[in-house]
């Protein structure tokens, strides 16, 4: 992978991280008129918690990928040590396994 390719992915990840950081929804339950409104607000709060958790995991993945880019670890599979293909990194810049190792992990988990 060339330096330009890594730079391109780094910029993309930094933009994603900034977007995720600015989109984190606040959690608040206000005064409720009745039980139905309260139930709706609770359901909405659960949804926002799930979104926040997913965003937090994604931010951690991005931050880890950015740290790896600063070192020499980025673009190499954690399982076999081989290069992760450019097409895979373009599709998922936070990938830490090559396609073959990822498929094997998924087969083992099933």
N, C-alpha and C. Protein backbone atom coordinates (compact mmCIF):
# COMPACT_ATOMS: atom_id res chain seq x y z
N UNK A 1 0.85 -1.17 0.00
CA UNK A 1 0.00 0.00 0.00
C UNK A 1 0.90 1.24 0.00
N UNK A 2 0.52 2.20 -0.80
CA UNK A 2 1.34 3.41 -0.91
C UNK A 2 1.01 4.40 0.20
N UNK A 3 1.89 5.37 0.38
CA UNK A 3 1.66 6.43 1.37
C UNK A 3 0.41 7.24 1.02
N UNK A 4 0.19 7.48 -0.27
CA UNK A 4 -1.00 8.21 -0.70
C UNK A 4 -2.28 7.45 -0.35
N UNK A 5 -2.26 6.14 -0.52
CA UNK A 5 -3.43 5.34 -0.17
C UNK A 5 -3.71 5.42 1.33
N UNK A 6 -2.67 5.29 2.14
CA UNK A 6 -2.83 5.39 3.59
C UNK A 6 -3.32 6.78 3.98
N UNK A 7 -2.77 7.81 3.37
CA UNK A 7 -3.19 9.18 3.65
C UNK A 7 -4.67 9.37 3.31
N UNK A 8 -5.08 8.81 2.17
CA UNK A 8 -6.49 8.89 1.75
C UNK A 8 -7.40 8.24 2.79
N UNK A 9 -7.04 7.04 3.25
CA UNK A 9 -7.85 6.35 4.25
C UNK A 9 -7.84 7.07 5.59
N UNK A 10 -6.69 7.65 5.93
CA UNK A 10 -6.58 8.38 7.20
C UNK A 10 -7.51 9.58 7.22
N UNK A 11 -7.54 10.33 6.13
CA UNK A 11 -8.42 11.49 6.03
C UNK A 11 -9.88 11.04 6.14
N UNK A 12 -10.21 9.95 5.44
CA UNK A 12 -11.57 9.41 5.48
C UNK A 12 -11.96 9.02 6.92
N UNK A 13 -11.07 8.35 7.62
CA UNK A 13 -11.35 7.93 9.00
C UNK A 13 -11.47 9.13 9.94
N UNK A 14 -10.63 10.13 9.75
CA UNK A 14 -10.70 11.32 10.59
C UNK A 14 -12.04 12.04 10.39
N UNK A 15 -12.51 12.08 9.16
CA UNK A 15 -13.80 12.70 8.86
C UNK A 15 -14.94 11.90 9.51
N UNK A 16 -14.86 10.57 9.43
CA UNK A 16 -15.88 9.73 10.06
C UNK A 16 -15.89 9.94 11.57
N UNK A 17 -14.72 10.00 12.17
CA UNK A 17 -14.61 10.19 13.62
C UNK A 17 -15.22 11.53 14.03
N UNK A 18 -14.89 12.58 13.31
CA UNK A 18 -15.46 13.90 13.62
C UNK A 18 -16.97 13.89 13.49
N UNK A 19 -17.48 13.22 12.48
CA UNK A 19 -18.92 13.13 12.28
C UNK A 19 -19.59 12.38 13.44
N UNK A 20 -19.01 11.26 13.84
CA UNK A 20 -19.57 10.48 14.94
C UNK A 20 -19.55 11.27 16.24
N UNK A 21 -18.48 12.00 16.47
CA UNK A 21 -18.36 12.77 17.71
C UNK A 21 -19.39 13.90 17.76
N UNK A 22 -19.74 14.45 16.62
CA UNK A 22 -20.71 15.56 16.61
C UNK A 22 -22.16 15.08 16.62
N UNK A 23 -22.38 13.80 16.33
CA UNK A 23 -23.75 13.29 16.22
C UNK A 23 -24.25 12.59 17.47
N UNK A 24 -23.49 12.49 18.52
CA UNK A 24 -23.90 11.74 19.70
C UNK A 24 -25.15 12.38 20.31
N UNK A 25 -26.29 11.66 20.26
CA UNK A 25 -27.53 12.23 20.79
C UNK A 25 -27.54 12.27 22.31
N UNK A 26 -28.14 13.30 22.85
CA UNK A 26 -28.25 13.44 24.30
C UNK A 26 -29.35 12.53 24.84
N UNK A 27 -29.18 12.11 26.07
CA UNK A 27 -30.19 11.28 26.73
C UNK A 27 -30.87 12.09 27.81
N UNK A 28 -32.16 12.28 27.66
CA UNK A 28 -32.92 13.01 28.66
C UNK A 28 -34.39 12.61 28.57
N UNK A 29 -35.00 12.44 29.73
CA UNK A 29 -36.43 12.16 29.77
C UNK A 29 -37.07 13.33 30.50
N UNK A 30 -38.00 13.97 29.81
CA UNK A 30 -38.64 15.15 30.38
C UNK A 30 -39.97 14.77 31.04
N UNK A 31 -40.68 15.75 31.49
CA UNK A 31 -41.98 15.55 32.12
C UNK A 31 -42.93 14.86 31.15
N UNK A 32 -43.70 13.92 31.67
CA UNK A 32 -44.64 13.17 30.83
C UNK A 32 -46.07 13.47 31.23
N UNK A 33 -46.92 13.58 30.24
CA UNK A 33 -48.33 13.86 30.48
C UNK A 33 -49.08 12.62 30.97
N UNK A 34 -48.69 11.44 30.46
CA UNK A 34 -49.38 10.21 30.86
C UNK A 34 -48.46 9.01 30.65
N UNK A 35 -48.98 7.82 30.94
CA UNK A 35 -48.20 6.58 30.84
C UNK A 35 -47.76 6.29 29.41
N UNK A 36 -48.61 6.58 28.45
CA UNK A 36 -48.27 6.33 27.04
C UNK A 36 -47.09 7.19 26.60
N UNK A 37 -47.12 8.44 26.98
CA UNK A 37 -46.01 9.33 26.63
C UNK A 37 -44.73 8.86 27.31
N UNK A 38 -44.84 8.44 28.57
CA UNK A 38 -43.68 7.93 29.29
C UNK A 38 -43.11 6.70 28.59
N UNK A 39 -43.98 5.78 28.19
CA UNK A 39 -43.53 4.57 27.49
C UNK A 39 -42.82 4.93 26.18
N UNK A 40 -43.34 5.90 25.47
CA UNK A 40 -42.70 6.34 24.22
C UNK A 40 -41.32 6.94 24.49
N UNK A 41 -41.23 7.74 25.54
CA UNK A 41 -39.94 8.36 25.89
C UNK A 41 -38.92 7.31 26.33
N UNK A 42 -39.36 6.30 27.07
CA UNK A 42 -38.45 5.22 27.50
C UNK A 42 -37.96 4.43 26.28
N UNK A 43 -38.88 4.10 25.38
CA UNK A 43 -38.49 3.37 24.17
C UNK A 43 -37.49 4.18 23.36
N UNK A 44 -37.73 5.47 23.25
CA UNK A 44 -36.81 6.35 22.53
C UNK A 44 -35.44 6.39 23.21
N UNK A 45 -35.45 6.43 24.54
CA UNK A 45 -34.19 6.46 25.29
C UNK A 45 -33.39 5.17 25.05
N UNK A 46 -34.05 4.01 25.03
CA UNK A 46 -33.37 2.75 24.75
C UNK A 46 -32.73 2.78 23.36
N UNK A 47 -33.44 3.32 22.40
CA UNK A 47 -32.91 3.42 21.05
C UNK A 47 -31.68 4.32 21.03
N UNK A 48 -31.75 5.45 21.72
CA UNK A 48 -30.60 6.37 21.76
C UNK A 48 -29.41 5.74 22.47
N UNK A 49 -29.66 4.95 23.50
CA UNK A 49 -28.56 4.25 24.18
C UNK A 49 -27.89 3.28 23.22
N UNK A 50 -28.68 2.52 22.47
CA UNK A 50 -28.12 1.57 21.51
C UNK A 50 -27.31 2.29 20.43
N UNK A 51 -27.81 3.42 19.95
CA UNK A 51 -27.09 4.21 18.94
C UNK A 51 -25.78 4.74 19.53
N UNK A 52 -25.84 5.23 20.77
CA UNK A 52 -24.62 5.74 21.43
C UNK A 52 -23.58 4.63 21.59
N UNK A 53 -24.02 3.44 21.99
CA UNK A 53 -23.09 2.32 22.16
C UNK A 53 -22.45 1.93 20.83
N UNK A 54 -23.26 1.86 19.78
CA UNK A 54 -22.72 1.52 18.46
C UNK A 54 -21.74 2.59 17.98
N UNK A 55 -22.07 3.85 18.20
CA UNK A 55 -21.17 4.94 17.82
C UNK A 55 -19.87 4.88 18.62
N UNK A 56 -19.96 4.57 19.89
CA UNK A 56 -18.76 4.48 20.73
C UNK A 56 -17.85 3.35 20.25
N UNK A 57 -18.44 2.20 19.90
CA UNK A 57 -17.62 1.09 19.37
C UNK A 57 -16.96 1.48 18.05
N UNK A 58 -17.71 2.14 17.19
CA UNK A 58 -17.17 2.57 15.89
C UNK A 58 -16.04 3.58 16.09
N UNK A 59 -16.21 4.52 17.04
CA UNK A 59 -15.16 5.50 17.31
C UNK A 59 -13.90 4.80 17.83
N UNK A 60 -14.05 3.78 18.66
CA UNK A 60 -12.90 3.04 19.15
C UNK A 60 -12.17 2.34 18.00
N UNK A 61 -12.94 1.73 17.09
CA UNK A 61 -12.33 1.08 15.92
C UNK A 61 -11.54 2.08 15.09
N UNK A 62 -12.12 3.25 14.86
CA UNK A 62 -11.48 4.28 14.05
C UNK A 62 -10.21 4.78 14.74
N UNK A 63 -10.31 5.06 16.04
CA UNK A 63 -9.14 5.55 16.79
C UNK A 63 -8.02 4.52 16.77
N UNK A 64 -8.36 3.23 16.88
CA UNK A 64 -7.34 2.18 16.82
C UNK A 64 -6.69 2.14 15.44
N UNK A 65 -7.50 2.24 14.39
CA UNK A 65 -6.95 2.24 13.03
C UNK A 65 -6.02 3.44 12.82
N UNK A 66 -6.41 4.60 13.33
CA UNK A 66 -5.56 5.79 13.19
C UNK A 66 -4.24 5.61 13.94
N UNK A 67 -4.28 4.99 15.13
CA UNK A 67 -3.03 4.71 15.86
C UNK A 67 -2.15 3.75 15.07
N UNK A 68 -2.78 2.73 14.47
CA UNK A 68 -2.02 1.76 13.69
C UNK A 68 -1.39 2.42 12.46
N UNK A 69 -2.08 3.40 11.88
CA UNK A 69 -1.54 4.11 10.72
C UNK A 69 -0.29 4.90 11.09
N UNK A 70 -0.25 5.41 12.32
CA UNK A 70 0.92 6.16 12.76
C UNK A 70 2.13 5.24 12.96
N UNK A 71 1.87 3.97 13.24
CA UNK A 71 2.94 2.99 13.35
C UNK A 71 3.05 2.25 12.03
N UNK A 72 3.63 1.09 12.06
CA UNK A 72 3.79 0.31 10.84
C UNK A 72 2.87 -0.92 10.84
N UNK A 73 1.87 -0.93 11.71
CA UNK A 73 0.99 -2.09 11.85
C UNK A 73 -0.18 -2.08 10.87
N UNK A 74 -0.53 -0.92 10.37
CA UNK A 74 -1.75 -0.79 9.57
C UNK A 74 -1.63 -1.55 8.25
N UNK A 75 -2.71 -2.25 7.91
CA UNK A 75 -2.77 -2.95 6.63
C UNK A 75 -2.28 -4.37 6.69
N UNK A 76 -1.96 -4.86 7.89
CA UNK A 76 -1.49 -6.23 8.05
C UNK A 76 -2.44 -7.00 8.96
N UNK A 77 -2.74 -8.22 8.59
CA UNK A 77 -3.68 -9.06 9.31
C UNK A 77 -3.13 -9.45 10.68
N UNK A 78 -3.94 -9.33 11.70
CA UNK A 78 -3.53 -9.71 13.06
C UNK A 78 -3.43 -11.21 13.23
N UNK A 79 -4.07 -11.96 12.35
CA UNK A 79 -4.06 -13.41 12.47
C UNK A 79 -2.87 -14.04 11.75
N UNK A 80 -2.73 -13.74 10.46
CA UNK A 80 -1.68 -14.41 9.66
C UNK A 80 -0.49 -13.51 9.37
N UNK A 81 -0.63 -12.21 9.59
CA UNK A 81 0.45 -11.27 9.33
C UNK A 81 0.57 -10.83 7.89
N UNK A 82 -0.29 -11.38 7.02
CA UNK A 82 -0.26 -11.00 5.61
C UNK A 82 -0.90 -9.64 5.38
N UNK A 83 -0.65 -9.09 4.20
CA UNK A 83 -1.25 -7.79 3.87
C UNK A 83 -2.76 -7.92 3.69
N UNK A 84 -3.47 -6.93 4.19
CA UNK A 84 -4.91 -6.84 3.95
C UNK A 84 -5.05 -6.12 2.62
N UNK A 85 -5.84 -6.67 1.74
CA UNK A 85 -5.96 -6.11 0.39
C UNK A 85 -6.51 -4.69 0.38
N UNK A 86 -6.07 -3.92 -0.62
CA UNK A 86 -6.47 -2.53 -0.77
C UNK A 86 -7.99 -2.41 -0.90
N UNK A 87 -8.62 -3.30 -1.68
CA UNK A 87 -10.07 -3.24 -1.87
C UNK A 87 -10.79 -3.43 -0.53
N UNK A 88 -10.29 -4.33 0.30
CA UNK A 88 -10.92 -4.55 1.61
C UNK A 88 -10.74 -3.32 2.49
N UNK A 89 -9.57 -2.73 2.48
CA UNK A 89 -9.34 -1.53 3.30
C UNK A 89 -10.16 -0.34 2.81
N UNK A 90 -10.39 -0.25 1.52
CA UNK A 90 -11.24 0.81 1.00
C UNK A 90 -12.68 0.61 1.49
N UNK A 91 -13.14 -0.63 1.49
CA UNK A 91 -14.50 -0.93 1.93
C UNK A 91 -14.64 -0.82 3.44
N UNK A 92 -13.61 -1.23 4.17
CA UNK A 92 -13.63 -1.20 5.64
C UNK A 92 -12.24 -0.81 6.14
N UNK A 93 -11.99 0.49 6.23
CA UNK A 93 -10.65 0.96 6.62
C UNK A 93 -10.21 0.53 8.02
N UNK A 94 -11.14 0.06 8.84
CA UNK A 94 -10.79 -0.38 10.19
C UNK A 94 -10.54 -1.88 10.26
N UNK A 95 -10.53 -2.56 9.12
CA UNK A 95 -10.33 -4.01 9.11
C UNK A 95 -8.98 -4.37 9.73
N UNK A 96 -8.99 -5.42 10.57
CA UNK A 96 -7.74 -5.88 11.19
C UNK A 96 -7.41 -7.31 10.78
N UNK A 97 -8.29 -7.92 9.99
CA UNK A 97 -8.04 -9.26 9.47
C UNK A 97 -8.19 -9.25 7.95
N UNK A 98 -7.39 -10.07 7.28
CA UNK A 98 -7.55 -10.23 5.83
C UNK A 98 -8.85 -10.97 5.57
N UNK A 99 -9.29 -11.02 4.33
CA UNK A 99 -10.55 -11.65 3.98
C UNK A 99 -10.57 -13.11 4.42
N UNK A 100 -9.50 -13.85 4.13
CA UNK A 100 -9.47 -15.28 4.46
C UNK A 100 -9.57 -15.52 5.96
N UNK A 101 -8.82 -14.78 6.76
CA UNK A 101 -8.86 -14.95 8.21
C UNK A 101 -10.20 -14.50 8.79
N UNK A 102 -10.78 -13.44 8.24
CA UNK A 102 -12.10 -12.99 8.70
C UNK A 102 -13.15 -14.05 8.41
N UNK A 103 -13.10 -14.63 7.21
CA UNK A 103 -14.06 -15.68 6.87
C UNK A 103 -13.90 -16.88 7.79
N UNK A 104 -12.68 -17.25 8.11
CA UNK A 104 -12.42 -18.37 9.01
C UNK A 104 -12.96 -18.07 10.41
N UNK A 105 -12.77 -16.85 10.88
CA UNK A 105 -13.30 -16.46 12.19
C UNK A 105 -14.82 -16.54 12.22
N UNK A 106 -15.45 -16.11 11.13
CA UNK A 106 -16.91 -16.14 11.06
C UNK A 106 -17.42 -17.58 11.00
N UNK A 107 -16.72 -18.45 10.27
CA UNK A 107 -17.12 -19.87 10.21
C UNK A 107 -16.97 -20.51 11.59
N UNK A 108 -15.92 -20.18 12.30
CA UNK A 108 -15.68 -20.75 13.63
C UNK A 108 -16.71 -20.28 14.64
N UNK A 109 -17.18 -19.05 14.49
CA UNK A 109 -18.15 -18.48 15.42
C UNK A 109 -19.55 -19.04 15.19
N UNK A 110 -19.82 -19.52 14.00
CA UNK A 110 -21.18 -20.00 13.67
C UNK A 110 -21.47 -21.36 14.24
